Amino acid sequence: MKIAVLISGSGSNLQALLDSSVRENIQLVVSNKASAFGLERARKAGVPTHSMLKANYSSRDIYDQAVADYLNQQAIDLVVLAGWMHILGARFLDVFQGQTINLHPALPGQYPGTHAIKRAFEDGVDRTGCMVHRVTLEVDVGEVLGVSEVEIKPTDTLAELEERMHSAEHRLLVSVVEGMVKGVQALS
């Protein structure tokens, strides 16, 4: 299985994948930010990188199509959104429907979109978590492939919660992708 990991930032989720048994399946790392530190992580691991900046395209649809076309040219089987901060639309999903998964820092049905950890922390709930799901046109509501719960302790700071969440995210993402590579989960 040929995997492309799409990132926008530091790439800590990418690093978890690079440190796992799926490293050999990661064929490419794509970022929508040329300065993303995750690109350096990929280069150090010997994985080819590519930057695709939305500003270089005249519309979101054209950008999404260009990303899909590029990944399709690379014969990618699975697209892993690991901190990719751009919502992919129909032009992308028409090509990679069922083959694109996302890591989201909230439990199913809770806190779709950005700042999910902070929103859970500020709401005063005692439990949050993360999930890996298939990407659909609706944000963070696709078929759930894995979940990890994280307790919010009464004494937590936001930074402490974020640290535990990131650890849970890394474990969950690696577990789900390893399962998909081993054929435990079907792609479509």
N, C-alpha and C. Protein backbone atom coordinates (compact mmCIF):
# COMPACT_ATOMS: atom_id res chain seq x y z
N MET A 1 0.84 -1.18 0.00
CA MET A 1 0.00 0.00 0.00
C MET A 1 0.89 1.24 0.00
N LYS A 2 0.63 2.14 -0.94
CA LYS A 2 1.41 3.37 -1.04
C LYS A 2 0.64 4.50 -0.34
N ILE A 3 1.30 5.10 0.64
CA ILE A 3 0.66 6.12 1.48
C ILE A 3 1.28 7.48 1.21
N ALA A 4 0.41 8.50 1.14
CA ALA A 4 0.84 9.90 1.15
C ALA A 4 0.31 10.51 2.45
N VAL A 5 1.18 11.23 3.16
CA VAL A 5 0.78 11.92 4.38
C VAL A 5 0.74 13.40 4.06
N LEU A 6 -0.38 14.04 4.35
CA LEU A 6 -0.55 15.47 4.10
C LEU A 6 -0.48 16.21 5.43
N ILE A 7 0.35 17.25 5.47
CA ILE A 7 0.60 17.99 6.71
C ILE A 7 0.55 19.50 6.45
N SER A 8 0.47 20.25 7.54
CA SER A 8 0.54 21.71 7.46
C SER A 8 1.53 22.31 8.45
N GLY A 9 1.98 21.53 9.42
CA GLY A 9 2.77 22.11 10.49
C GLY A 9 3.99 21.31 10.89
N SER A 10 4.14 21.12 12.20
CA SER A 10 5.36 20.55 12.75
C SER A 10 5.56 19.07 12.40
N GLY A 11 4.47 18.37 12.15
CA GLY A 11 4.60 16.98 11.73
C GLY A 11 4.82 15.97 12.83
N SER A 12 4.33 16.25 14.04
CA SER A 12 4.52 15.27 15.11
C SER A 12 3.74 13.99 14.84
N ASN A 13 2.55 14.11 14.22
CA ASN A 13 1.80 12.91 13.85
C ASN A 13 2.51 12.16 12.73
N LEU A 14 3.07 12.89 11.80
CA LEU A 14 3.89 12.28 10.75
C LEU A 14 5.06 11.53 11.38
N GLN A 15 5.73 12.14 12.35
CA GLN A 15 6.87 11.48 12.99
C GLN A 15 6.47 10.17 13.63
N ALA A 16 5.28 10.14 14.25
CA ALA A 16 4.81 8.88 14.84
C ALA A 16 4.68 7.80 13.76
N LEU A 17 4.18 8.18 12.60
CA LEU A 17 4.07 7.21 11.50
C LEU A 17 5.45 6.80 10.99
N LEU A 18 6.36 7.77 10.89
CA LEU A 18 7.71 7.46 10.41
C LEU A 18 8.46 6.53 11.36
N ASP A 19 8.11 6.59 12.64
CA ASP A 19 8.75 5.74 13.65
C ASP A 19 8.07 4.38 13.79
N SER A 20 7.07 4.12 12.97
CA SER A 20 6.29 2.88 13.10
C SER A 20 6.59 1.92 11.96
N SER A 21 5.89 0.81 11.97
CA SER A 21 6.08 -0.21 10.94
C SER A 21 5.57 0.22 9.57
N VAL A 22 4.79 1.29 9.48
CA VAL A 22 4.27 1.72 8.18
C VAL A 22 5.23 2.65 7.45
N ARG A 23 6.38 2.94 8.04
CA ARG A 23 7.36 3.83 7.40
C ARG A 23 7.64 3.43 5.95
N GLU A 24 7.80 2.13 5.71
CA GLU A 24 8.13 1.68 4.36
C GLU A 24 7.00 1.93 3.36
N ASN A 25 5.78 2.14 3.84
CA ASN A 25 4.65 2.40 2.97
C ASN A 25 4.49 3.88 2.63
N ILE A 26 5.13 4.75 3.40
CA ILE A 26 4.99 6.19 3.18
C ILE A 26 5.87 6.58 2.00
N GLN A 27 5.21 6.91 0.90
CA GLN A 27 5.89 7.22 -0.35
C GLN A 27 6.13 8.71 -0.53
N LEU A 28 5.36 9.53 0.21
CA LEU A 28 5.36 10.95 -0.08
C LEU A 28 4.75 11.72 1.08
N VAL A 29 5.31 12.90 1.36
CA VAL A 29 4.72 13.84 2.31
C VAL A 29 4.46 15.13 1.56
N VAL A 30 3.23 15.61 1.63
CA VAL A 30 2.82 16.84 0.96
C VAL A 30 2.40 17.84 2.02
N SER A 31 2.83 19.09 1.84
CA SER A 31 2.43 20.16 2.76
C SER A 31 1.82 21.31 1.98
N ASN A 32 0.86 21.98 2.60
CA ASN A 32 0.29 23.18 2.01
C ASN A 32 1.00 24.43 2.54
N LYS A 33 2.10 24.22 3.26
CA LYS A 33 2.94 25.32 3.75
C LYS A 33 4.40 24.94 3.50
N ALA A 34 5.10 25.75 2.74
CA ALA A 34 6.48 25.45 2.38
C ALA A 34 7.40 25.42 3.59
N SER A 35 7.04 26.14 4.65
CA SER A 35 7.88 26.22 5.84
C SER A 35 7.53 25.19 6.91
N ALA A 36 6.63 24.28 6.63
CA ALA A 36 6.21 23.28 7.63
C ALA A 36 7.40 22.43 8.06
N PHE A 37 7.64 22.36 9.37
CA PHE A 37 8.76 21.58 9.90
C PHE A 37 8.62 20.09 9.57
N GLY A 38 7.39 19.64 9.38
CA GLY A 38 7.17 18.24 9.03
C GLY A 38 7.88 17.83 7.74
N LEU A 39 8.09 18.78 6.84
CA LEU A 39 8.83 18.48 5.61
C LEU A 39 10.26 18.09 5.94
N GLU A 40 10.86 18.76 6.91
CA GLU A 40 12.22 18.41 7.34
C GLU A 40 12.24 17.02 7.99
N ARG A 41 11.22 16.71 8.78
CA ARG A 41 11.13 15.37 9.38
C ARG A 41 11.11 14.31 8.28
N ALA A 42 10.32 14.55 7.24
CA ALA A 42 10.23 13.59 6.14
C ALA A 42 11.57 13.46 5.42
N ARG A 43 12.21 14.58 5.15
CA ARG A 43 13.50 14.53 4.45
C ARG A 43 14.53 13.74 5.25
N LYS A 44 14.55 13.95 6.57
CA LYS A 44 15.49 13.21 7.43
C LYS A 44 15.23 11.71 7.38
N ALA A 45 13.97 11.34 7.16
CA ALA A 45 13.61 9.93 7.08
C ALA A 45 13.76 9.38 5.66
N GLY A 46 14.19 10.23 4.74
CA GLY A 46 14.38 9.79 3.36
C GLY A 46 13.10 9.69 2.55
N VAL A 47 12.06 10.39 2.98
CA VAL A 47 10.78 10.36 2.27
C VAL A 47 10.68 11.59 1.37
N PRO A 48 10.33 11.41 0.10
CA PRO A 48 10.17 12.56 -0.80
C PRO A 48 9.09 13.51 -0.27
N THR A 49 9.31 14.80 -0.50
CA THR A 49 8.38 15.83 -0.05
C THR A 49 7.95 16.70 -1.23
N HIS A 50 6.82 17.34 -1.04
CA HIS A 50 6.30 18.24 -2.07
C HIS A 50 5.43 19.29 -1.37
N SER A 51 5.62 20.55 -1.73
CA SER A 51 4.77 21.63 -1.22
C SER A 51 3.80 22.05 -2.30
N MET A 52 2.54 22.20 -1.90
CA MET A 52 1.51 22.68 -2.81
C MET A 52 0.79 23.82 -2.10
N LEU A 53 1.06 25.03 -2.52
CA LEU A 53 0.53 26.22 -1.86
C LEU A 53 -0.75 26.67 -2.55
N LYS A 54 -1.81 26.84 -1.76
CA LYS A 54 -3.10 27.24 -2.31
C LYS A 54 -3.01 28.58 -3.04
N ALA A 55 -2.14 29.46 -2.59
CA ALA A 55 -1.99 30.78 -3.23
C ALA A 55 -1.56 30.68 -4.69
N ASN A 56 -1.01 29.54 -5.08
CA ASN A 56 -0.57 29.36 -6.46
C ASN A 56 -1.70 28.92 -7.40
N TYR A 57 -2.91 28.81 -6.88
CA TYR A 57 -4.05 28.33 -7.66
C TYR A 57 -5.17 29.37 -7.59
N SER A 58 -5.94 29.46 -8.65
CA SER A 58 -6.95 30.52 -8.74
C SER A 58 -8.20 30.28 -7.92
N SER A 59 -8.43 29.04 -7.48
CA SER A 59 -9.61 28.75 -6.65
C SER A 59 -9.35 27.51 -5.80
N ARG A 60 -10.20 27.35 -4.82
CA ARG A 60 -10.11 26.17 -3.96
C ARG A 60 -10.34 24.89 -4.77
N ASP A 61 -11.33 24.91 -5.67
CA ASP A 61 -11.60 23.73 -6.48
C ASP A 61 -10.41 23.34 -7.34
N ILE A 62 -9.77 24.32 -7.94
CA ILE A 62 -8.61 24.04 -8.79
C ILE A 62 -7.46 23.51 -7.95
N TYR A 63 -7.28 24.06 -6.75
CA TYR A 63 -6.25 23.57 -5.84
C TYR A 63 -6.52 22.12 -5.45
N ASP A 64 -7.75 21.84 -5.02
CA ASP A 64 -8.10 20.48 -4.62
C ASP A 64 -7.89 19.49 -5.76
N GLN A 65 -8.25 19.89 -6.97
CA GLN A 65 -8.04 19.03 -8.14
C GLN A 65 -6.56 18.80 -8.38
N ALA A 66 -5.75 19.84 -8.21
CA ALA A 66 -4.30 19.71 -8.42
C ALA A 66 -3.68 18.76 -7.40
N VAL A 67 -4.12 18.85 -6.15
CA VAL A 67 -3.61 17.92 -5.12
C VAL A 67 -4.01 16.49 -5.49
N ALA A 68 -5.27 16.29 -5.86
CA ALA A 68 -5.73 14.95 -6.25
C ALA A 68 -4.95 14.43 -7.45
N ASP A 69 -4.76 15.28 -8.45
CA ASP A 69 -4.03 14.86 -9.65
C ASP A 69 -2.60 14.47 -9.31
N TYR A 70 -1.95 15.26 -8.46
CA TYR A 70 -0.57 14.96 -8.09
C TYR A 70 -0.48 13.61 -7.37
N LEU A 71 -1.36 13.39 -6.40
CA LEU A 71 -1.32 12.12 -5.66
C LEU A 71 -1.68 10.95 -6.57
N ASN A 72 -2.61 11.17 -7.47
CA ASN A 72 -3.01 10.13 -8.42
C ASN A 72 -1.83 9.76 -9.33
N GLN A 73 -1.08 10.76 -9.77
CA GLN A 73 0.11 10.51 -10.60
C GLN A 73 1.14 9.67 -9.85
N GLN A 74 1.16 9.78 -8.53
CA GLN A 74 2.11 9.02 -7.71
C GLN A 74 1.57 7.63 -7.35
N ALA A 75 0.38 7.30 -7.85
CA ALA A 75 -0.28 6.00 -7.61
C ALA A 75 -0.48 5.74 -6.12
N ILE A 76 -0.93 6.77 -5.40
CA ILE A 76 -1.16 6.66 -3.96
C ILE A 76 -2.43 5.86 -3.69
N ASP A 77 -2.36 4.95 -2.72
CA ASP A 77 -3.51 4.13 -2.34
C ASP A 77 -4.26 4.71 -1.15
N LEU A 78 -3.54 5.33 -0.23
CA LEU A 78 -4.15 5.86 1.00
C LEU A 78 -3.58 7.24 1.28
N VAL A 79 -4.48 8.20 1.53
CA VAL A 79 -4.09 9.56 1.89
C VAL A 79 -4.40 9.74 3.37
N VAL A 80 -3.37 10.11 4.14
CA VAL A 80 -3.51 10.31 5.57
C VAL A 80 -3.37 11.80 5.87
N LEU A 81 -4.44 12.40 6.35
CA LEU A 81 -4.40 13.80 6.75
C LEU A 81 -3.95 13.84 8.21
N ALA A 82 -2.74 14.31 8.42
CA ALA A 82 -2.13 14.31 9.75
C ALA A 82 -1.73 15.74 10.10
N GLY A 83 -2.74 16.54 10.46
CA GLY A 83 -2.48 17.94 10.72
C GLY A 83 -2.55 18.78 9.46
N TRP A 84 -3.27 18.32 8.47
CA TRP A 84 -3.48 19.05 7.21
C TRP A 84 -4.61 20.05 7.45
N MET A 85 -4.30 21.32 7.43
CA MET A 85 -5.26 22.35 7.80
C MET A 85 -5.90 23.00 6.57
N HIS A 86 -6.49 22.16 5.74
CA HIS A 86 -7.25 22.63 4.58
C HIS A 86 -8.36 21.61 4.35
N ILE A 87 -9.58 22.07 4.28
CA ILE A 87 -10.70 21.17 4.04
C ILE A 87 -10.71 20.82 2.55
N LEU A 88 -10.61 19.53 2.27
CA LEU A 88 -10.61 19.06 0.89
C LEU A 88 -12.04 18.88 0.40
N GLY A 89 -12.32 19.41 -0.77
CA GLY A 89 -13.67 19.39 -1.30
C GLY A 89 -13.93 18.26 -2.28
N ALA A 90 -15.03 18.42 -3.01
CA ALA A 90 -15.51 17.37 -3.92
C ALA A 90 -14.50 17.02 -5.01
N ARG A 91 -13.78 18.00 -5.50
CA ARG A 91 -12.82 17.72 -6.57
C ARG A 91 -11.76 16.72 -6.11
N PHE A 92 -11.35 16.83 -4.86
CA PHE A 92 -10.37 15.88 -4.31
C PHE A 92 -11.05 14.55 -4.00
N LEU A 93 -12.18 14.62 -3.32
CA LEU A 93 -12.83 13.38 -2.88
C LEU A 93 -13.41 12.58 -4.04
N ASP A 94 -13.68 13.21 -5.17
CA ASP A 94 -14.11 12.45 -6.34
C ASP A 94 -13.04 11.46 -6.77
N VAL A 95 -11.79 11.78 -6.50
CA VAL A 95 -10.66 10.92 -6.87
C VAL A 95 -10.30 9.97 -5.72
N PHE A 96 -10.33 10.46 -4.48
CA PHE A 96 -9.84 9.68 -3.34
C PHE A 96 -10.92 9.38 -2.30
N GLN A 97 -12.17 9.29 -2.71
CA GLN A 97 -13.27 8.94 -1.80
C GLN A 97 -13.02 7.55 -1.21
N GLY A 98 -13.12 7.44 0.09
CA GLY A 98 -12.90 6.16 0.76
C GLY A 98 -11.44 5.83 0.99
N GLN A 99 -10.54 6.59 0.39
CA GLN A 99 -9.11 6.34 0.51
C GLN A 99 -8.40 7.45 1.30
N THR A 100 -9.19 8.34 1.90
CA THR A 100 -8.62 9.46 2.64
C THR A 100 -9.11 9.39 4.08
N ILE A 101 -8.15 9.40 5.01
CA ILE A 101 -8.51 9.38 6.43
C ILE A 101 -7.93 10.60 7.12
N ASN A 102 -8.57 10.99 8.22
CA ASN A 102 -8.18 12.18 8.96
C ASN A 102 -8.09 11.86 10.45
N LEU A 103 -7.12 12.45 11.09
CA LEU A 103 -6.99 12.39 12.54
C LEU A 103 -7.61 13.67 13.09
N HIS A 104 -8.58 13.53 14.00
CA HIS A 104 -9.26 14.71 14.57
C HIS A 104 -9.21 14.63 16.10
N PRO A 105 -8.83 15.72 16.77
CA PRO A 105 -8.67 15.69 18.23
C PRO A 105 -9.97 15.91 18.99
N ALA A 106 -10.93 15.05 18.73
CA ALA A 106 -12.20 15.06 19.47
C ALA A 106 -12.86 13.71 19.29
N LEU A 107 -13.78 13.40 20.16
CA LEU A 107 -14.55 12.17 20.04
C LEU A 107 -15.61 12.34 18.95
N PRO A 108 -16.11 11.24 18.40
CA PRO A 108 -17.12 11.34 17.34
C PRO A 108 -18.31 12.20 17.78
N GLY A 109 -18.70 13.10 16.90
CA GLY A 109 -19.85 13.96 17.17
C GLY A 109 -19.56 15.17 18.04
N GLN A 110 -18.32 15.32 18.49
CA GLN A 110 -17.98 16.43 19.36
C GLN A 110 -16.92 17.32 18.71
N TYR A 111 -17.10 18.60 18.78
CA TYR A 111 -16.11 19.60 18.39
C TYR A 111 -15.53 19.43 16.99
N PRO A 112 -16.38 19.39 15.97
CA PRO A 112 -15.84 19.35 14.61
C PRO A 112 -15.10 20.65 14.30
N GLY A 113 -14.16 20.56 13.38
CA GLY A 113 -13.42 21.75 12.97
C GLY A 113 -12.21 22.02 13.83
N THR A 114 -11.80 23.28 13.83
CA THR A 114 -10.54 23.67 14.49
C THR A 114 -10.70 23.89 15.98
N HIS A 115 -9.58 23.91 16.68
CA HIS A 115 -9.47 24.21 18.11
C HIS A 115 -10.29 23.27 19.00
N ALA A 116 -10.40 22.02 18.60
CA ALA A 116 -11.23 21.06 19.33
C ALA A 116 -10.72 20.82 20.75
N ILE A 117 -9.42 20.74 20.95
CA ILE A 117 -8.89 20.48 22.30
C ILE A 117 -9.22 21.65 23.21
N LYS A 118 -8.97 22.84 22.75
CA LYS A 118 -9.26 24.04 23.55
C LYS A 118 -10.75 24.15 23.85
N ARG A 119 -11.59 23.85 22.88
CA ARG A 119 -13.03 23.94 23.09
C ARG A 119 -13.50 22.94 24.15
N ALA A 120 -12.97 21.72 24.11
CA ALA A 120 -13.32 20.73 25.13
C ALA A 120 -12.85 21.18 26.51
N PHE A 121 -11.63 21.69 26.57
CA PHE A 121 -11.07 22.16 27.84
C PHE A 121 -11.92 23.29 28.41
N GLU A 122 -12.29 24.24 27.58
CA GLU A 122 -13.07 25.39 28.06
C GLU A 122 -14.51 25.03 28.42
N ASP A 123 -15.04 23.95 27.82
CA ASP A 123 -16.41 23.53 28.14
C ASP A 123 -16.52 22.86 29.50
N GLY A 124 -15.40 22.49 30.09
CA GLY A 124 -15.42 21.89 31.42
C GLY A 124 -15.86 20.44 31.44
N VAL A 125 -15.81 19.76 30.31
CA VAL A 125 -16.15 18.33 30.30
C VAL A 125 -15.03 17.53 30.96
N ASP A 126 -15.33 16.33 31.40
CA ASP A 126 -14.30 15.54 32.09
C ASP A 126 -13.61 14.53 31.17
N ARG A 127 -14.03 14.50 29.91
CA ARG A 127 -13.48 13.51 28.98
C ARG A 127 -13.53 14.07 27.57
N THR A 128 -12.47 13.82 26.84
CA THR A 128 -12.43 14.15 25.42
C THR A 128 -11.70 13.01 24.74
N GLY A 129 -11.09 13.24 23.62
CA GLY A 129 -10.37 12.18 22.95
C GLY A 129 -10.07 12.54 21.52
N CYS A 130 -9.73 11.52 20.76
CA CYS A 130 -9.42 11.73 19.36
C CYS A 130 -9.97 10.57 18.55
N MET A 131 -10.09 10.81 17.26
CA MET A 131 -10.61 9.77 16.37
C MET A 131 -9.90 9.85 15.03
N VAL A 132 -9.88 8.73 14.35
CA VAL A 132 -9.48 8.67 12.95
C VAL A 132 -10.74 8.28 12.19
N HIS A 133 -11.03 9.04 11.14
CA HIS A 133 -12.25 8.79 10.37
C HIS A 133 -11.99 8.97 8.88
N ARG A 134 -12.85 8.38 8.07
CA ARG A 134 -12.78 8.59 6.63
C ARG A 134 -13.26 10.01 6.34
N VAL A 135 -12.64 10.64 5.39
CA VAL A 135 -12.99 12.02 5.04
C VAL A 135 -14.18 12.02 4.10
N THR A 136 -15.15 12.88 4.43
CA THR A 136 -16.32 13.12 3.60
C THR A 136 -16.43 14.63 3.38
N LEU A 137 -17.43 15.03 2.61
CA LEU A 137 -17.62 16.46 2.38
C LEU A 137 -18.02 17.20 3.66
N GLU A 138 -18.65 16.50 4.60
CA GLU A 138 -18.95 17.10 5.90
C GLU A 138 -17.72 16.97 6.78
N VAL A 139 -17.40 18.02 7.50
CA VAL A 139 -16.18 18.06 8.31
C VAL A 139 -16.31 17.16 9.54
N ASP A 140 -15.36 16.24 9.68
CA ASP A 140 -15.18 15.41 10.87
C ASP A 140 -16.39 14.55 11.23
N VAL A 141 -17.10 14.04 10.22
CA VAL A 141 -18.24 13.18 10.51
C VAL A 141 -18.20 11.86 9.74
N GLY A 142 -17.14 11.58 9.02
CA GLY A 142 -17.06 10.34 8.25
C GLY A 142 -16.97 9.11 9.13
N GLU A 143 -17.05 7.95 8.49
CA GLU A 143 -16.99 6.67 9.20
C GLU A 143 -15.79 6.63 10.15
N VAL A 144 -16.06 6.33 11.40
CA VAL A 144 -15.01 6.30 12.43
C VAL A 144 -14.27 4.97 12.34
N LEU A 145 -12.93 5.07 12.26
CA LEU A 145 -12.07 3.88 12.15
C LEU A 145 -11.36 3.56 13.45
N GLY A 146 -11.31 4.52 14.36
CA GLY A 146 -10.67 4.30 15.66
C GLY A 146 -10.88 5.49 16.56
N VAL A 147 -10.94 5.21 17.86
CA VAL A 147 -11.19 6.24 18.87
C VAL A 147 -10.28 6.00 20.07
N SER A 148 -9.82 7.07 20.69
CA SER A 148 -9.08 6.99 21.94
C SER A 148 -9.60 8.07 22.87
N GLU A 149 -10.05 7.68 24.05
CA GLU A 149 -10.55 8.64 25.03
C GLU A 149 -9.41 9.17 25.89
N VAL A 150 -9.54 10.43 26.30
CA VAL A 150 -8.56 11.08 27.15
C VAL A 150 -9.31 11.80 28.26
N GLU A 151 -8.92 11.51 29.49
CA GLU A 151 -9.53 12.18 30.65
C GLU A 151 -9.05 13.63 30.73
N ILE A 152 -9.97 14.51 31.09
CA ILE A 152 -9.60 15.88 31.42
C ILE A 152 -9.64 15.98 32.94
N LYS A 153 -8.48 16.09 33.54
CA LYS A 153 -8.38 16.13 35.00
C LYS A 153 -8.73 17.52 35.51
N PRO A 154 -9.32 17.60 36.69
CA PRO A 154 -9.70 18.91 37.24
C PRO A 154 -8.50 19.86 37.40
N THR A 155 -7.31 19.31 37.56
CA THR A 155 -6.12 20.14 37.76
C THR A 155 -5.37 20.45 36.47
N ASP A 156 -5.87 19.94 35.35
CA ASP A 156 -5.18 20.13 34.06
C ASP A 156 -5.08 21.59 33.67
N THR A 157 -3.94 21.91 33.06
CA THR A 157 -3.85 23.14 32.27
C THR A 157 -4.13 22.73 30.83
N LEU A 158 -4.38 23.69 29.99
CA LEU A 158 -4.60 23.38 28.58
C LEU A 158 -3.37 22.70 27.99
N ALA A 159 -2.19 23.16 28.36
CA ALA A 159 -0.94 22.57 27.84
C ALA A 159 -0.81 21.10 28.26
N GLU A 160 -1.18 20.78 29.49
CA GLU A 160 -1.10 19.38 29.95
C GLU A 160 -2.08 18.50 29.18
N LEU A 161 -3.28 19.02 28.96
CA LEU A 161 -4.26 18.26 28.19
C LEU A 161 -3.78 18.07 26.76
N GLU A 162 -3.26 19.12 26.16
CA GLU A 162 -2.75 19.02 24.78
C GLU A 162 -1.66 17.97 24.68
N GLU A 163 -0.79 17.91 25.65
CA GLU A 163 0.30 16.93 25.63
C GLU A 163 -0.24 15.50 25.66
N ARG A 164 -1.21 15.24 26.54
CA ARG A 164 -1.81 13.90 26.62
C ARG A 164 -2.59 13.58 25.34
N MET A 165 -3.26 14.59 24.80
CA MET A 165 -4.01 14.38 23.56
C MET A 165 -3.07 14.01 22.42
N HIS A 166 -1.96 14.72 22.31
CA HIS A 166 -1.03 14.43 21.22
C HIS A 166 -0.47 13.02 21.34
N SER A 167 -0.18 12.58 22.55
CA SER A 167 0.28 11.19 22.75
C SER A 167 -0.78 10.20 22.30
N ALA A 168 -2.03 10.47 22.67
CA ALA A 168 -3.13 9.59 22.27
C ALA A 168 -3.32 9.61 20.75
N GLU A 169 -3.20 10.78 20.15
CA GLU A 169 -3.32 10.90 18.70
C GLU A 169 -2.27 10.06 17.99
N HIS A 170 -1.03 10.17 18.45
CA HIS A 170 0.07 9.43 17.81
C HIS A 170 -0.19 7.93 17.86
N ARG A 171 -0.57 7.42 19.04
CA ARG A 171 -0.83 5.98 19.19
C ARG A 171 -1.99 5.54 18.30
N LEU A 172 -3.07 6.33 18.31
CA LEU A 172 -4.27 5.96 17.55
C LEU A 172 -4.00 5.98 16.05
N LEU A 173 -3.37 7.04 15.57
CA LEU A 173 -3.10 7.14 14.13
C LEU A 173 -2.24 5.97 13.65
N VAL A 174 -1.19 5.68 14.38
CA VAL A 174 -0.32 4.56 14.01
C VAL A 174 -1.11 3.26 14.01
N SER A 175 -1.92 3.03 15.03
CA SER A 175 -2.69 1.80 15.13
C SER A 175 -3.64 1.63 13.95
N VAL A 176 -4.37 2.68 13.60
CA VAL A 176 -5.32 2.59 12.49
C VAL A 176 -4.60 2.38 11.17
N VAL A 177 -3.55 3.14 10.91
CA VAL A 177 -2.84 3.00 9.63
C VAL A 177 -2.17 1.63 9.55
N GLU A 178 -1.57 1.16 10.64
CA GLU A 178 -0.99 -0.20 10.63
C GLU A 178 -2.06 -1.23 10.30
N GLY A 179 -3.24 -1.08 10.89
CA GLY A 179 -4.34 -2.00 10.61
C GLY A 179 -4.75 -1.98 9.15
N MET A 180 -4.78 -0.78 8.57
CA MET A 180 -5.16 -0.67 7.16
C MET A 180 -4.09 -1.30 6.28
N VAL A 181 -2.84 -1.09 6.60
CA VAL A 181 -1.76 -1.68 5.81
C VAL A 181 -1.80 -3.20 5.90
N LYS A 182 -2.12 -3.70 7.05
CA LYS A 182 -2.18 -5.16 7.23
C LYS A 182 -3.48 -5.75 6.68
N GLY A 183 -4.37 -4.89 6.18
CA GLY A 183 -5.60 -5.37 5.58
C GLY A 183 -6.71 -5.60 6.55
N VAL A 184 -6.54 -5.16 7.81
CA VAL A 184 -7.57 -5.35 8.81
C VAL A 184 -8.79 -4.49 8.45
N GLN A 185 -8.55 -3.30 7.91
CA GLN A 185 -9.62 -2.40 7.52
C GLN A 185 -9.59 -2.25 6.01
N ALA A 186 -10.72 -2.40 5.37
CA ALA A 186 -10.81 -2.22 3.92
C ALA A 186 -10.76 -0.74 3.58
N LEU A 187 -10.25 -0.43 2.42
CA LEU A 187 -10.17 0.98 2.01
C LEU A 187 -11.50 1.52 1.53
N SER A 188 -12.35 0.69 1.03
CA SER A 188 -13.63 1.23 0.54
C SER A 188 -14.74 0.23 0.73
